N, C-alpha and C. Protein backbone atom coordinates (compact mmCIF):
# COMPACT_ATOMS: atom_id res chain seq x y z
N MET A 1 127.70 230.42 -8.80
CA MET A 1 127.71 231.68 -9.57
C MET A 1 126.41 232.44 -9.31
N ASN A 2 126.53 233.71 -9.12
CA ASN A 2 125.35 234.54 -8.87
C ASN A 2 124.54 234.66 -10.15
N THR A 3 123.22 234.37 -10.05
CA THR A 3 122.38 234.35 -11.25
C THR A 3 122.32 235.70 -11.91
N GLY A 4 122.28 236.77 -11.13
CA GLY A 4 122.11 238.09 -11.72
C GLY A 4 123.40 238.85 -11.91
N ALA A 5 124.55 238.21 -11.74
CA ALA A 5 125.82 238.92 -11.82
C ALA A 5 126.12 239.40 -13.22
N HIS A 6 125.88 238.55 -14.23
CA HIS A 6 126.23 238.92 -15.60
C HIS A 6 125.03 238.80 -16.53
N CYS A 7 123.84 238.60 -16.01
CA CYS A 7 122.64 238.45 -16.84
C CYS A 7 121.84 239.75 -16.82
N LEU A 8 121.49 240.26 -18.01
CA LEU A 8 120.75 241.51 -18.09
C LEU A 8 119.26 241.32 -17.82
N LEU A 9 118.81 240.07 -17.85
CA LEU A 9 117.39 239.81 -17.63
C LEU A 9 117.04 239.66 -16.16
N HIS A 10 118.03 239.60 -15.31
CA HIS A 10 117.78 239.45 -13.88
C HIS A 10 118.61 240.46 -13.10
N LYS A 11 118.04 240.90 -11.97
CA LYS A 11 118.73 241.83 -11.09
C LYS A 11 118.55 241.35 -9.66
N THR A 12 119.48 241.75 -8.82
CA THR A 12 119.39 241.40 -7.40
C THR A 12 119.02 242.65 -6.61
N CYS A 13 117.94 242.56 -5.86
CA CYS A 13 117.45 243.70 -5.07
C CYS A 13 118.44 243.99 -3.95
N SER A 14 118.83 245.24 -3.83
CA SER A 14 119.79 245.63 -2.80
C SER A 14 119.17 245.66 -1.41
N ARG A 15 117.84 245.59 -1.33
CA ARG A 15 117.19 245.66 -0.02
C ARG A 15 116.84 244.26 0.50
N CYS A 16 116.13 243.47 -0.32
CA CYS A 16 115.73 242.14 0.15
C CYS A 16 116.72 241.05 -0.25
N GLY A 17 117.65 241.36 -1.20
CA GLY A 17 118.67 240.40 -1.61
C GLY A 17 118.18 239.32 -2.56
N GLN A 18 116.95 239.40 -3.02
CA GLN A 18 116.42 238.40 -3.92
C GLN A 18 116.72 238.76 -5.37
N THR A 19 116.98 237.74 -6.17
CA THR A 19 117.22 237.93 -7.60
C THR A 19 115.90 237.76 -8.34
N LYS A 20 115.52 238.80 -9.08
CA LYS A 20 114.22 238.80 -9.75
C LYS A 20 114.37 239.22 -11.20
N TYR A 21 113.31 238.97 -11.97
CA TYR A 21 113.28 239.36 -13.37
C TYR A 21 113.35 240.89 -13.45
N TYR A 22 114.00 241.41 -14.47
CA TYR A 22 114.31 242.84 -14.51
C TYR A 22 113.06 243.71 -14.53
N LEU A 23 111.93 243.18 -15.02
CA LEU A 23 110.71 243.98 -15.05
C LEU A 23 110.12 244.20 -13.65
N GLN A 24 110.63 243.46 -12.66
CA GLN A 24 110.19 243.65 -11.29
C GLN A 24 110.86 244.85 -10.62
N PHE A 25 111.73 245.53 -11.38
CA PHE A 25 112.43 246.71 -10.85
C PHE A 25 111.92 247.95 -11.58
N PRO A 26 111.52 248.98 -10.85
CA PRO A 26 111.02 250.20 -11.50
C PRO A 26 112.13 250.94 -12.23
N THR A 27 111.76 251.65 -13.29
CA THR A 27 112.74 252.44 -14.04
C THR A 27 113.15 253.65 -13.22
N LYS A 28 114.34 254.15 -13.52
CA LYS A 28 114.85 255.30 -12.78
C LYS A 28 114.11 256.57 -13.14
N GLY A 29 113.69 256.67 -14.39
CA GLY A 29 112.90 257.83 -14.79
C GLY A 29 113.68 259.11 -14.87
N SER A 30 114.97 259.07 -14.87
CA SER A 30 115.81 260.28 -14.94
C SER A 30 116.26 260.51 -16.37
N LYS A 31 116.35 261.77 -16.77
CA LYS A 31 116.80 262.09 -18.12
C LYS A 31 118.25 261.69 -18.34
N ARG A 32 119.05 261.73 -17.27
CA ARG A 32 120.47 261.40 -17.40
C ARG A 32 120.71 259.90 -17.49
N SER A 33 119.76 259.10 -17.00
CA SER A 33 119.95 257.65 -17.01
C SER A 33 119.80 257.11 -18.41
N ARG A 34 120.42 255.98 -18.64
CA ARG A 34 120.33 255.35 -19.95
C ARG A 34 118.92 254.80 -20.16
N ASN A 35 118.55 254.64 -21.42
CA ASN A 35 117.23 254.09 -21.73
C ASN A 35 117.10 252.69 -21.14
N GLY A 36 116.04 252.47 -20.41
CA GLY A 36 115.81 251.16 -19.82
C GLY A 36 116.50 250.94 -18.50
N ALA A 37 117.27 251.92 -18.01
CA ALA A 37 117.95 251.76 -16.73
C ALA A 37 116.93 251.63 -15.61
N ARG A 38 117.20 250.72 -14.69
CA ARG A 38 116.24 250.45 -13.62
C ARG A 38 116.91 250.57 -12.26
N LYS A 39 116.08 250.79 -11.26
CA LYS A 39 116.58 250.98 -9.90
C LYS A 39 117.08 249.66 -9.33
N ASN A 40 117.86 249.75 -8.24
CA ASN A 40 118.41 248.57 -7.60
C ASN A 40 117.48 247.96 -6.55
N ILE A 41 116.33 248.61 -6.33
CA ILE A 41 115.34 248.12 -5.38
C ILE A 41 114.13 247.62 -6.15
N CYS A 42 113.63 246.45 -5.84
CA CYS A 42 112.48 245.89 -6.55
C CYS A 42 111.21 246.67 -6.20
N ARG A 43 110.16 246.46 -6.98
CA ARG A 43 108.91 247.20 -6.79
C ARG A 43 108.30 246.94 -5.41
N LYS A 44 108.37 245.69 -4.96
CA LYS A 44 107.79 245.33 -3.67
C LYS A 44 108.47 246.08 -2.53
N CYS A 45 109.81 246.13 -2.56
CA CYS A 45 110.54 246.85 -1.52
C CYS A 45 110.33 248.35 -1.63
N ALA A 46 110.18 248.84 -2.88
CA ALA A 46 109.96 250.27 -3.09
C ALA A 46 108.63 250.70 -2.48
N ARG A 47 107.59 249.83 -2.62
CA ARG A 47 106.30 250.16 -2.03
C ARG A 47 106.36 250.18 -0.51
N LYS A 48 107.10 249.22 0.06
CA LYS A 48 107.26 249.19 1.51
C LYS A 48 107.99 250.43 2.01
N LYS A 49 108.99 250.86 1.25
CA LYS A 49 109.76 252.04 1.63
C LYS A 49 108.90 253.30 1.59
N ALA A 50 108.01 253.36 0.57
CA ALA A 50 107.15 254.53 0.45
C ALA A 50 106.17 254.62 1.61
N LYS A 51 105.68 253.46 2.08
CA LYS A 51 104.74 253.46 3.21
C LYS A 51 105.40 253.91 4.50
N LEU A 52 106.70 253.60 4.63
CA LEU A 52 107.42 253.98 5.85
C LEU A 52 107.73 255.46 5.90
N LYS A 53 107.77 256.12 4.73
CA LYS A 53 108.11 257.54 4.67
C LYS A 53 106.86 258.39 4.89
N LEU A 54 106.42 258.49 6.11
CA LEU A 54 105.28 259.33 6.44
C LEU A 54 105.75 260.73 6.78
N PRO A 55 105.01 261.75 6.37
CA PRO A 55 105.39 263.12 6.75
C PRO A 55 105.34 263.29 8.25
N GLU A 56 106.17 264.18 8.75
CA GLU A 56 106.25 264.39 10.20
C GLU A 56 104.92 264.84 10.78
N THR A 57 104.15 265.57 9.99
CA THR A 57 102.87 266.07 10.51
C THR A 57 101.88 264.96 10.75
N GLU A 58 102.10 263.78 10.15
CA GLU A 58 101.18 262.67 10.36
C GLU A 58 101.18 262.23 11.82
N ALA A 59 102.32 262.40 12.50
CA ALA A 59 102.43 261.95 13.89
C ALA A 59 101.83 262.95 14.86
N LEU A 60 101.51 264.16 14.40
CA LEU A 60 100.95 265.17 15.28
C LEU A 60 99.48 264.89 15.54
N HIS A 61 98.99 265.42 16.65
CA HIS A 61 97.58 265.29 16.96
C HIS A 61 96.78 266.12 15.97
N VAL A 62 95.54 265.70 15.72
CA VAL A 62 94.71 266.38 14.74
C VAL A 62 94.51 267.84 15.09
N LYS A 63 94.38 268.14 16.38
CA LYS A 63 94.15 269.53 16.79
C LYS A 63 95.32 270.42 16.41
N GLU A 64 96.55 269.86 16.43
CA GLU A 64 97.72 270.66 16.13
C GLU A 64 97.78 271.00 14.65
N LEU A 65 97.07 270.24 13.83
CA LEU A 65 97.08 270.49 12.39
C LEU A 65 96.01 271.49 11.98
N LEU A 66 95.03 271.75 12.88
CA LEU A 66 93.97 272.66 12.53
C LEU A 66 94.43 274.10 12.64
N PRO A 67 94.07 274.95 11.67
CA PRO A 67 94.41 276.37 11.77
C PRO A 67 93.73 277.00 12.97
N ALA A 68 94.30 278.10 13.41
CA ALA A 68 93.72 278.80 14.56
C ALA A 68 92.33 279.29 14.22
N GLY A 69 91.43 279.18 15.18
CA GLY A 69 90.07 279.65 14.97
C GLY A 69 89.11 278.59 14.52
N ILE A 70 89.59 277.38 14.19
CA ILE A 70 88.71 276.30 13.77
C ILE A 70 88.55 275.34 14.93
N PRO A 71 87.32 275.00 15.35
CA PRO A 71 87.13 274.12 16.50
C PRO A 71 87.66 272.74 16.23
N GLY A 72 88.22 272.09 17.27
CA GLY A 72 88.74 270.74 17.13
C GLY A 72 87.63 269.73 17.04
N ILE A 73 88.01 268.48 16.80
CA ILE A 73 87.03 267.43 16.62
C ILE A 73 86.25 267.20 17.90
N SER A 74 86.93 267.28 19.06
CA SER A 74 86.27 267.00 20.33
C SER A 74 85.40 268.16 20.79
N GLU A 75 85.50 269.32 20.14
CA GLU A 75 84.72 270.48 20.53
C GLU A 75 83.37 270.45 19.84
N PRO A 76 82.33 271.02 20.46
CA PRO A 76 81.02 271.03 19.81
C PRO A 76 81.05 271.85 18.54
N LEU A 77 80.29 271.39 17.55
CA LEU A 77 80.24 272.09 16.28
C LEU A 77 79.49 273.40 16.45
N ARG A 78 79.98 274.40 15.78
CA ARG A 78 79.30 275.69 15.82
C ARG A 78 78.16 275.68 14.81
N PRO A 79 77.09 276.40 15.10
CA PRO A 79 75.97 276.41 14.15
C PRO A 79 76.37 277.08 12.84
N LEU A 80 75.73 276.65 11.79
CA LEU A 80 76.00 277.24 10.49
C LEU A 80 75.55 278.69 10.50
N THR A 81 76.25 279.50 9.77
CA THR A 81 75.87 280.90 9.65
C THR A 81 75.65 281.21 8.19
N PHE A 82 74.73 282.10 7.93
CA PHE A 82 74.41 282.47 6.56
C PHE A 82 74.62 283.97 6.42
N PRO A 83 75.27 284.40 5.35
CA PRO A 83 75.50 285.83 5.17
C PRO A 83 74.19 286.57 4.98
N ALA A 84 74.11 287.71 5.64
CA ALA A 84 72.89 288.51 5.50
C ALA A 84 72.83 289.11 4.11
N PRO A 85 71.65 289.18 3.53
CA PRO A 85 71.52 289.78 2.20
C PRO A 85 71.94 291.24 2.23
N PRO A 86 72.49 291.74 1.15
CA PRO A 86 72.86 293.16 1.11
C PRO A 86 71.64 294.03 1.27
N PRO A 87 71.79 295.17 1.94
CA PRO A 87 70.63 296.04 2.15
C PRO A 87 70.05 296.52 0.84
N SER A 88 68.73 296.67 0.83
CA SER A 88 68.06 297.12 -0.38
C SER A 88 68.41 298.58 -0.67
N SER A 89 68.28 298.93 -1.91
CA SER A 89 68.56 300.30 -2.32
C SER A 89 67.54 301.25 -1.69
N LYS A 90 67.97 302.46 -1.43
CA LYS A 90 67.06 303.45 -0.85
C LYS A 90 65.88 303.71 -1.78
N LYS A 91 66.09 303.56 -3.08
CA LYS A 91 65.02 303.79 -4.03
C LYS A 91 64.03 302.63 -4.05
N GLY A 92 64.41 301.46 -3.49
CA GLY A 92 63.52 300.32 -3.49
C GLY A 92 63.74 299.43 -4.69
N ALA A 93 63.31 298.17 -4.53
CA ALA A 93 63.50 297.19 -5.61
C ALA A 93 62.68 297.55 -6.84
N ALA A 94 61.58 298.24 -6.64
CA ALA A 94 60.72 298.57 -7.78
C ALA A 94 61.45 299.41 -8.82
N SER A 95 62.36 300.26 -8.35
CA SER A 95 63.09 301.11 -9.29
C SER A 95 64.27 300.39 -9.93
N LEU A 96 64.67 299.23 -9.37
CA LEU A 96 65.81 298.50 -9.90
C LEU A 96 65.41 297.45 -10.92
N LEU A 97 64.15 297.03 -10.90
CA LEU A 97 63.69 295.96 -11.79
C LEU A 97 62.83 296.51 -12.92
N ARG A 98 63.06 295.97 -14.09
CA ARG A 98 62.30 296.39 -15.27
C ARG A 98 61.61 295.16 -15.87
N GLN A 99 60.32 295.21 -15.95
CA GLN A 99 59.58 294.09 -16.50
C GLN A 99 59.59 294.14 -18.03
N ASP A 100 59.52 292.95 -18.63
CA ASP A 100 59.47 292.90 -20.08
C ASP A 100 58.04 293.16 -20.55
N ARG A 101 57.77 292.92 -21.82
CA ARG A 101 56.45 293.22 -22.36
C ARG A 101 55.35 292.38 -21.72
N GLN A 102 55.72 291.20 -21.26
CA GLN A 102 54.74 290.33 -20.59
C GLN A 102 54.68 290.58 -19.08
N GLY A 103 55.45 291.54 -18.59
CA GLY A 103 55.46 291.82 -17.16
C GLY A 103 56.18 290.76 -16.35
N ILE A 104 57.20 290.15 -16.95
CA ILE A 104 57.88 289.01 -16.34
C ILE A 104 59.32 289.39 -15.95
N ILE A 105 59.75 288.84 -14.81
CA ILE A 105 61.14 288.92 -14.36
C ILE A 105 61.66 287.49 -14.23
N ARG A 106 62.90 287.27 -14.58
CA ARG A 106 63.50 285.93 -14.46
C ARG A 106 64.15 285.80 -13.08
N MET A 107 63.95 284.63 -12.47
CA MET A 107 64.54 284.35 -11.17
C MET A 107 65.31 283.04 -11.24
N LYS A 108 66.54 283.05 -10.74
CA LYS A 108 67.32 281.81 -10.71
C LYS A 108 67.71 281.49 -9.28
N GLY A 109 68.02 280.21 -9.05
CA GLY A 109 68.40 279.77 -7.72
C GLY A 109 68.95 278.36 -7.75
N LYS A 110 69.06 277.74 -6.58
CA LYS A 110 69.56 276.38 -6.46
C LYS A 110 68.58 275.54 -5.65
N SER A 111 68.42 274.28 -6.06
CA SER A 111 67.59 273.34 -5.31
C SER A 111 68.41 272.74 -4.18
N ASN A 112 67.79 271.89 -3.37
CA ASN A 112 68.48 271.29 -2.23
C ASN A 112 69.69 270.46 -2.63
N ASN A 113 69.63 269.85 -3.82
CA ASN A 113 70.75 269.02 -4.27
C ASN A 113 71.79 269.82 -5.06
N GLY A 114 71.66 271.15 -5.07
CA GLY A 114 72.65 271.99 -5.74
C GLY A 114 72.38 272.25 -7.20
N ARG A 115 71.32 271.68 -7.73
CA ARG A 115 71.01 271.88 -9.16
C ARG A 115 70.45 273.29 -9.38
N ARG A 116 70.95 273.94 -10.40
CA ARG A 116 70.51 275.31 -10.71
C ARG A 116 69.20 275.29 -11.49
N TRP A 117 68.38 276.29 -11.26
CA TRP A 117 67.12 276.40 -11.98
C TRP A 117 66.84 277.87 -12.29
N ILE A 118 66.00 278.09 -13.29
CA ILE A 118 65.57 279.44 -13.68
C ILE A 118 64.08 279.37 -13.98
N GLN A 119 63.34 280.36 -13.49
CA GLN A 119 61.91 280.41 -13.78
C GLN A 119 61.47 281.85 -13.96
N ASP A 120 60.32 282.03 -14.58
CA ASP A 120 59.75 283.34 -14.80
C ASP A 120 58.72 283.64 -13.72
N ILE A 121 58.77 284.84 -13.16
CA ILE A 121 57.79 285.25 -12.14
C ILE A 121 57.28 286.65 -12.47
N ASP A 122 56.18 287.01 -11.84
CA ASP A 122 55.62 288.35 -12.05
C ASP A 122 56.55 289.41 -11.47
N TRP A 123 56.50 290.58 -12.06
CA TRP A 123 57.33 291.69 -11.60
C TRP A 123 57.01 292.05 -10.15
N SER A 124 55.73 292.06 -9.79
CA SER A 124 55.34 292.43 -8.42
C SER A 124 55.88 291.43 -7.40
N LEU A 125 55.89 290.12 -7.75
CA LEU A 125 56.43 289.12 -6.84
C LEU A 125 57.94 289.27 -6.70
N ALA A 126 58.61 289.60 -7.80
CA ALA A 126 60.06 289.80 -7.74
C ALA A 126 60.40 290.96 -6.82
N VAL A 127 59.64 292.04 -6.90
CA VAL A 127 59.86 293.20 -6.03
C VAL A 127 59.67 292.80 -4.56
N LEU A 128 58.62 292.03 -4.27
CA LEU A 128 58.35 291.61 -2.89
C LEU A 128 59.47 290.72 -2.35
N LEU A 129 59.96 289.77 -3.16
CA LEU A 129 61.01 288.86 -2.70
C LEU A 129 62.29 289.62 -2.38
N VAL A 130 62.59 290.64 -3.17
CA VAL A 130 63.80 291.43 -2.91
C VAL A 130 63.61 292.29 -1.66
N GLU A 131 62.47 292.93 -1.54
CA GLU A 131 62.23 293.80 -0.39
C GLU A 131 62.15 293.02 0.93
N GLU A 132 61.71 291.76 0.86
CA GLU A 132 61.63 290.93 2.08
C GLU A 132 62.83 290.02 2.22
N ARG A 133 63.92 290.36 1.54
CA ARG A 133 65.24 289.74 1.72
C ARG A 133 65.29 288.25 1.41
N ALA A 134 64.49 287.83 0.44
CA ALA A 134 64.57 286.45 -0.02
C ALA A 134 65.35 286.34 -1.31
N ALA A 135 65.62 287.47 -1.96
CA ALA A 135 66.34 287.47 -3.24
C ALA A 135 67.10 288.78 -3.38
N ILE A 136 68.03 288.79 -4.33
CA ILE A 136 68.79 290.01 -4.65
C ILE A 136 68.68 290.27 -6.14
N VAL A 137 68.90 291.51 -6.52
CA VAL A 137 68.82 291.91 -7.92
C VAL A 137 70.16 291.67 -8.60
N LEU A 138 70.15 290.88 -9.69
CA LEU A 138 71.36 290.65 -10.47
C LEU A 138 71.48 291.66 -11.60
N ASN A 139 70.38 291.93 -12.26
CA ASN A 139 70.31 292.96 -13.29
C ASN A 139 68.84 293.38 -13.39
N PRO A 140 68.52 294.40 -14.16
CA PRO A 140 67.14 294.89 -14.19
C PRO A 140 66.10 293.84 -14.59
N TYR A 141 66.54 292.73 -15.17
CA TYR A 141 65.58 291.73 -15.64
C TYR A 141 65.71 290.38 -14.93
N MET A 142 66.57 290.30 -13.91
CA MET A 142 66.79 289.01 -13.25
C MET A 142 67.12 289.20 -11.77
N ILE A 143 66.57 288.30 -10.94
CA ILE A 143 66.91 288.25 -9.52
C ILE A 143 67.42 286.85 -9.18
N ARG A 144 68.06 286.73 -8.01
CA ARG A 144 68.55 285.42 -7.57
C ARG A 144 68.00 285.11 -6.19
N ARG A 145 67.38 283.96 -6.07
CA ARG A 145 66.88 283.50 -4.76
C ARG A 145 68.07 283.15 -3.88
N LEU A 146 68.07 283.60 -2.64
CA LEU A 146 69.24 283.46 -1.78
C LEU A 146 69.36 282.09 -1.13
N TYR A 147 68.26 281.41 -0.92
CA TYR A 147 68.30 280.16 -0.16
C TYR A 147 67.57 279.04 -0.88
N SER A 148 68.11 277.83 -0.76
CA SER A 148 67.33 276.65 -1.13
C SER A 148 66.34 276.39 0.01
N ASN A 149 65.44 275.45 -0.17
CA ASN A 149 64.44 275.18 0.87
C ASN A 149 65.09 274.74 2.18
N ASP A 150 66.07 273.85 2.09
CA ASP A 150 66.75 273.37 3.30
C ASP A 150 67.57 274.47 3.96
N ASP A 151 68.27 275.27 3.15
CA ASP A 151 69.07 276.37 3.70
C ASP A 151 68.18 277.41 4.37
N PHE A 152 67.02 277.66 3.78
CA PHE A 152 66.10 278.65 4.36
C PHE A 152 65.61 278.18 5.72
N ARG A 153 65.27 276.91 5.83
CA ARG A 153 64.79 276.37 7.10
C ARG A 153 65.86 276.50 8.19
N ARG A 154 67.10 276.12 7.85
CA ARG A 154 68.18 276.22 8.83
C ARG A 154 68.43 277.67 9.23
N MET A 155 68.37 278.57 8.26
CA MET A 155 68.61 279.97 8.55
C MET A 155 67.59 280.53 9.53
N ILE A 156 66.31 280.22 9.31
CA ILE A 156 65.25 280.71 10.20
C ILE A 156 65.42 280.13 11.60
N MET A 157 65.68 278.83 11.69
CA MET A 157 65.84 278.18 12.99
C MET A 157 67.00 278.80 13.78
N GLN A 158 68.12 279.00 13.12
CA GLN A 158 69.29 279.54 13.80
C GLN A 158 69.13 281.03 14.10
N ARG A 159 68.48 281.75 13.22
CA ARG A 159 68.24 283.17 13.46
C ARG A 159 67.40 283.38 14.71
N ASP A 160 66.37 282.53 14.90
CA ASP A 160 65.47 282.65 16.05
C ASP A 160 65.90 281.81 17.23
N GLY A 161 67.07 281.17 17.13
CA GLY A 161 67.59 280.39 18.25
C GLY A 161 66.73 279.20 18.63
N TYR A 162 66.04 278.61 17.66
CA TYR A 162 65.16 277.46 17.91
C TYR A 162 64.14 277.76 19.00
N SER A 163 63.71 279.01 19.07
CA SER A 163 62.74 279.44 20.07
C SER A 163 61.44 279.83 19.38
N CYS A 164 60.33 279.33 19.88
CA CYS A 164 59.03 279.60 19.27
C CYS A 164 58.69 281.09 19.38
N TYR A 165 58.29 281.69 18.29
CA TYR A 165 57.96 283.11 18.23
C TYR A 165 56.74 283.43 19.09
N TYR A 166 55.85 282.46 19.30
CA TYR A 166 54.57 282.71 19.96
C TYR A 166 54.59 282.38 21.45
N CYS A 167 55.26 281.31 21.85
CA CYS A 167 55.22 280.91 23.27
C CYS A 167 56.60 280.88 23.92
N GLY A 168 57.66 280.99 23.15
CA GLY A 168 59.01 280.98 23.71
C GLY A 168 59.57 279.60 23.97
N GLY A 169 58.79 278.55 23.68
CA GLY A 169 59.27 277.19 23.86
C GLY A 169 60.19 276.76 22.73
N TYR A 170 60.55 275.49 22.74
CA TYR A 170 61.44 274.97 21.71
C TYR A 170 60.70 274.93 20.37
N GLY A 171 61.31 275.53 19.37
CA GLY A 171 60.69 275.57 18.05
C GLY A 171 61.38 274.65 17.07
N ASP A 172 60.59 273.88 16.33
CA ASP A 172 61.16 272.97 15.35
C ASP A 172 60.42 273.02 14.02
N THR A 173 59.56 274.03 13.84
CA THR A 173 58.86 274.21 12.57
C THR A 173 58.96 275.67 12.14
N ILE A 174 58.58 275.93 10.91
CA ILE A 174 58.57 277.29 10.38
C ILE A 174 57.12 277.71 10.15
N ASP A 175 56.78 278.90 10.60
CA ASP A 175 55.42 279.41 10.43
C ASP A 175 55.45 280.72 9.65
N HIS A 176 54.43 280.92 8.83
CA HIS A 176 54.28 282.17 8.08
C HIS A 176 53.44 283.15 8.89
N ILE A 177 53.97 284.32 9.17
CA ILE A 177 53.23 285.35 9.92
C ILE A 177 51.94 285.68 9.19
N VAL A 178 52.05 285.99 7.92
CA VAL A 178 50.87 286.10 7.05
C VAL A 178 50.76 284.78 6.31
N PRO A 179 49.73 283.99 6.55
CA PRO A 179 49.63 282.66 5.94
C PRO A 179 49.71 282.72 4.41
N LYS A 180 50.22 281.65 3.84
CA LYS A 180 50.32 281.57 2.38
C LYS A 180 48.93 281.62 1.74
N SER A 181 47.93 281.11 2.47
CA SER A 181 46.56 281.13 1.94
C SER A 181 46.00 282.54 1.85
N LYS A 182 46.65 283.49 2.56
CA LYS A 182 46.21 284.88 2.53
C LYS A 182 47.21 285.78 1.83
N GLY A 183 48.08 285.19 1.03
CA GLY A 183 49.00 285.99 0.23
C GLY A 183 50.40 286.12 0.78
N GLY A 184 50.69 285.47 1.90
CA GLY A 184 52.04 285.53 2.46
C GLY A 184 53.01 284.68 1.66
N HIS A 185 54.28 285.03 1.74
CA HIS A 185 55.31 284.30 0.99
C HIS A 185 56.40 283.81 1.93
N THR A 186 57.17 282.86 1.43
CA THR A 186 58.25 282.27 2.22
C THR A 186 59.48 283.15 2.12
N THR A 187 59.56 284.12 3.00
CA THR A 187 60.67 285.07 3.03
C THR A 187 61.16 285.23 4.47
N PRO A 188 62.38 285.72 4.66
CA PRO A 188 62.87 285.95 6.03
C PRO A 188 62.00 286.90 6.84
N VAL A 189 61.36 287.85 6.17
CA VAL A 189 60.52 288.81 6.88
C VAL A 189 59.21 288.18 7.34
N ASN A 190 58.67 287.26 6.56
CA ASN A 190 57.35 286.70 6.83
C ASN A 190 57.39 285.35 7.54
N CYS A 191 58.56 284.82 7.82
CA CYS A 191 58.66 283.49 8.44
C CYS A 191 59.36 283.57 9.80
N VAL A 192 58.87 282.77 10.74
CA VAL A 192 59.46 282.71 12.08
C VAL A 192 59.53 281.25 12.52
N CYS A 193 60.35 281.01 13.52
CA CYS A 193 60.43 279.68 14.13
C CYS A 193 59.23 279.49 15.06
N SER A 194 58.66 278.31 15.04
CA SER A 194 57.48 278.04 15.85
C SER A 194 57.52 276.60 16.36
N CYS A 195 56.90 276.38 17.52
CA CYS A 195 56.75 275.00 18.00
C CYS A 195 55.59 274.36 17.24
N TYR A 196 55.52 273.05 17.29
CA TYR A 196 54.49 272.32 16.55
C TYR A 196 53.09 272.68 17.07
N PHE A 197 52.94 272.83 18.39
CA PHE A 197 51.63 273.12 18.98
C PHE A 197 51.10 274.47 18.48
N CYS A 198 51.92 275.51 18.55
CA CYS A 198 51.48 276.84 18.12
C CYS A 198 51.23 276.87 16.61
N ASN A 199 52.07 276.18 15.86
CA ASN A 199 51.90 276.14 14.41
C ASN A 199 50.56 275.53 14.04
N GLN A 200 50.20 274.43 14.70
CA GLN A 200 48.93 273.77 14.39
C GLN A 200 47.73 274.59 14.86
N ASN A 201 47.85 275.24 16.01
CA ASN A 201 46.73 276.02 16.54
C ASN A 201 46.53 277.33 15.79
N LYS A 202 47.60 277.90 15.32
CA LYS A 202 47.49 279.14 14.55
C LYS A 202 46.82 278.88 13.20
N ALA A 203 47.17 277.76 12.58
CA ALA A 203 46.58 277.37 11.30
C ALA A 203 46.71 278.51 10.28
N ASP A 204 45.59 278.98 9.73
CA ASP A 204 45.65 280.03 8.71
C ASP A 204 45.32 281.41 9.27
N GLN A 205 45.48 281.61 10.59
CA GLN A 205 45.26 282.93 11.18
C GLN A 205 46.49 283.81 10.99
N ASP A 206 46.26 285.10 10.98
CA ASP A 206 47.38 286.03 11.03
C ASP A 206 48.02 285.95 12.41
N ALA A 207 49.32 286.25 12.49
CA ALA A 207 50.03 286.17 13.76
C ALA A 207 49.41 287.10 14.80
N GLU A 208 49.05 288.31 14.38
CA GLU A 208 48.48 289.28 15.32
C GLU A 208 47.17 288.78 15.91
N ARG A 209 46.35 288.17 15.07
CA ARG A 209 45.06 287.65 15.54
C ARG A 209 45.27 286.46 16.47
N PHE A 210 46.22 285.60 16.14
CA PHE A 210 46.49 284.42 16.96
C PHE A 210 47.00 284.82 18.34
N ILE A 211 47.93 285.78 18.38
CA ILE A 211 48.47 286.24 19.67
C ILE A 211 47.39 286.93 20.48
N GLY A 212 46.54 287.72 19.81
CA GLY A 212 45.44 288.38 20.52
C GLY A 212 44.47 287.39 21.13
N ALA A 213 44.19 286.31 20.40
CA ALA A 213 43.26 285.30 20.92
C ALA A 213 43.85 284.59 22.13
N ARG A 214 45.13 284.35 22.13
CA ARG A 214 45.78 283.70 23.27
C ARG A 214 45.77 284.64 24.48
N THR A 215 45.95 285.93 24.24
CA THR A 215 45.95 286.90 25.34
C THR A 215 44.57 286.97 25.99
N MET A 216 43.53 286.93 25.19
CA MET A 216 42.17 286.97 25.72
C MET A 216 41.85 285.72 26.53
N ASP A 217 42.47 284.60 26.16
CA ASP A 217 42.25 283.36 26.90
C ASP A 217 43.01 283.34 28.22
N GLY A 218 43.88 284.34 28.43
CA GLY A 218 44.64 284.41 29.68
C GLY A 218 45.85 283.52 29.70
N ARG A 219 46.29 283.04 28.55
CA ARG A 219 47.46 282.18 28.51
C ARG A 219 48.71 283.00 28.25
N GLU A 220 49.84 282.49 28.69
CA GLU A 220 51.10 283.19 28.50
C GLU A 220 51.50 283.14 27.04
N ILE A 221 52.14 284.18 26.61
CA ILE A 221 52.60 284.25 25.23
C ILE A 221 54.07 283.92 25.18
């Protein structure tokens, strides 16, 4: 006599033919099915069946799944691009920003790990950052820094093509045209790609003075 023929506690799997306890069979889950009605395939066979049902696109090559215009895996990666800041107003940033009673403007941005921050800066510094394309005006009392430290470095390197501003060699550092010790700031206007040798030799000199000194020495620029 078949064990599961007339017993409600056991069922026979239609796929593997084994008689198992009824809880080993998944419920049908249909509104039309009776309460507690279960499928004729056991859970183990159901899982195997699900693994075999792969979408047709799984068999295609990865390149065929990529939308047009996106490089394939075997193709070299394209350099990251950063959107250029919107052009400044003809009236200038000074007319767009209003300092509070303490002469302060709020600036917000993101750190390298994506964490948001807000700090207070002088009105004059806020105007300079906007005019030198390091920040944009959100409202008369707040600006937003466009780049994190890591993003800024990548942007400068890619903008200058990893070419040293002073000698034309391979550049792997960032140099301030007007040194920070003399009032220069880390902005797209004041920063260029530089090789390590030129960066170290320039030190705290202005770019114009450093280039002039190299010209007088008879060395190529």
